[in-house]
Amino acid sequence: MLEVNKNRCIVLEDSNYGMRAAINAGMKVIVIPEKGTNPKWSKKANLKLNSLEKFTINHLIDL
């Protein structure tokens, strides 16, 4: 156990199951789906990115 408050956690995930587990645990989720896909399940994430190359500190601030 990491003993970190779930409100201070942000999960980077590429799968439906991982995203759902993080949401069920009360954590915020940034989804980066597999390249070339646009899964409907990714709409439940707090943020969806097409690539980590576009990831900036502003994404964290906005969460």
C-alpha atoms as a PDB file:
ATOM      1  CA  MET A   1       0.000   0.000   0.000  1.00  0.00           C
ATOM      2  CA  LEU A   2       1.399   3.376  -0.992  1.00  0.00           C
ATOM      3  CA  GLU A   3      -0.542   5.251   1.709  1.00  0.00           C
ATOM      4  CA  VAL A   4      -1.248   8.166  -0.645  1.00  0.00           C
ATOM      5  CA  ASN A   5      -4.532  10.053  -0.473  1.00  0.00           C
ATOM      6  CA  LYS A   6      -6.642   9.108  -3.496  1.00  0.00           C
ATOM      7  CA  ASN A   7      -7.456  12.785  -4.044  1.00  0.00           C
ATOM      8  CA  ARG A   8      -3.772  13.398  -4.729  1.00  0.00           C
ATOM      9  CA  CYS A   9      -3.474  10.615  -7.314  1.00  0.00           C
ATOM     10  CA  ILE A  10      -3.751  10.905 -11.068  1.00  0.00           C
ATOM     11  CA  VAL A  11      -3.751   7.718 -13.098  1.00  0.00           C
ATOM     12  CA  LEU A  12      -2.427   7.560 -16.671  1.00  0.00           C
ATOM     13  CA  GLU A  13      -4.156   4.651 -18.361  1.00  0.00           C
ATOM     14  CA  ASP A  14      -4.616   3.090 -21.776  1.00  0.00           C
ATOM     15  CA  SER A  15      -7.208   0.441 -20.983  1.00  0.00           C
ATOM     16  CA  ASN A  16     -10.871   0.335 -20.042  1.00  0.00           C
ATOM     17  CA  TYR A  17     -10.305  -1.932 -17.042  1.00  0.00           C
ATOM     18  CA  GLY A  18      -7.488   0.203 -15.665  1.00  0.00           C
ATOM     19  CA  MET A  19      -9.509   3.364 -16.104  1.00  0.00           C
ATOM     20  CA  ARG A  20     -12.552   1.848 -14.396  1.00  0.00           C
ATOM     21  CA  ALA A  21     -10.440   0.601 -11.491  1.00  0.00           C
ATOM     22  CA  ALA A  22      -8.987   4.069 -10.971  1.00  0.00           C
ATOM     23  CA  ILE A  23     -12.410   5.742 -11.167  1.00  0.00           C
ATOM     24  CA  ASN A  24     -13.875   3.190  -8.734  1.00  0.00           C
ATOM     25  CA  ALA A  25     -10.993   3.948  -6.364  1.00  0.00           C
ATOM     26  CA  GLY A  26     -11.874   7.649  -6.508  1.00  0.00           C
ATOM     27  CA  MET A  27      -8.846   8.755  -8.507  1.00  0.00           C
ATOM     28  CA  LYS A  28      -8.685  11.112 -11.468  1.00  0.00           C
ATOM     29  CA  VAL A  29      -7.824   9.483 -14.783  1.00  0.00           C
ATOM     30  CA  ILE A  30      -6.031  10.642 -17.890  1.00  0.00           C
ATOM     31  CA  VAL A  31      -6.673   8.206 -20.712  1.00  0.00           C
ATOM     32  CA  ILE A  32      -4.291   7.721 -23.619  1.00  0.00           C
ATOM     33  CA  PRO A  33      -6.029   5.124 -25.821  1.00  0.00           C
ATOM     34  CA  GLU A  34      -4.088   2.936 -28.194  1.00  0.00           C
ATOM     35  CA  LYS A  35      -3.050   4.858 -31.286  1.00  0.00           C
ATOM     36  CA  GLY A  36      -5.693   4.932 -33.982  1.00  0.00           C
ATOM     37  CA  THR A  37      -8.591   4.061 -31.677  1.00  0.00           C
ATOM     38  CA  ASN A  38     -11.339   6.182 -30.178  1.00  0.00           C
ATOM     39  CA  PRO A  39     -13.085   3.917 -27.702  1.00  0.00           C
ATOM     40  CA  LYS A  40     -16.421   5.043 -26.296  1.00  0.00           C
ATOM     41  CA  TRP A  41     -15.371   4.017 -22.794  1.00  0.00           C
ATOM     42  CA  SER A  42     -12.677   6.713 -22.743  1.00  0.00           C
ATOM     43  CA  LYS A  43     -15.392   9.381 -22.347  1.00  0.00           C
ATOM     44  CA  LYS A  44     -15.577   8.520 -18.640  1.00  0.00           C
ATOM     45  CA  ALA A  45     -12.023   9.755 -18.035  1.00  0.00           C
ATOM     46  CA  ASN A  46     -11.279  13.183 -16.605  1.00  0.00           C
ATOM     47  CA  LEU A  47      -9.084  13.875 -19.621  1.00  0.00           C
ATOM     48  CA  LYS A  48      -8.335  12.092 -22.876  1.00  0.00           C
ATOM     49  CA  LEU A  49      -5.099  12.631 -24.792  1.00  0.00           C
ATOM     50  CA  ASN A  50      -4.077  11.161 -28.116  1.00  0.00           C
ATOM     51  CA  SER A  51      -0.432  11.035 -27.047  1.00  0.00           C
ATOM     52  CA  LEU A  52       1.751  11.795 -24.043  1.00  0.00           C
ATOM     53  CA  GLU A  53       3.768  14.023 -26.365  1.00  0.00           C
ATOM     54  CA  LYS A  54       0.978  16.605 -25.971  1.00  0.00           C
ATOM     55  CA  PHE A  55       0.934  16.305 -22.160  1.00  0.00           C
ATOM     56  CA  THR A  56       1.791  19.509 -20.260  1.00  0.00           C
ATOM     57  CA  ILE A  57       1.721  20.748 -16.692  1.00  0.00           C
ATOM     58  CA  ASN A  58      -1.430  22.675 -17.585  1.00  0.00           C
ATOM     59  CA  HIS A  59      -3.278  19.375 -17.964  1.00  0.00           C
ATOM     60  CA  LEU A  60      -2.498  18.602 -14.325  1.00  0.00           C
ATOM     61  CA  ILE A  61      -3.472  22.080 -13.172  1.00  0.00           C
ATOM     62  CA  ASP A  62      -6.808  21.842 -14.993  1.00  0.00           C
ATOM     63  CA  LEU A  63      -7.707  18.555 -13.303  1.00  0.00           C
END
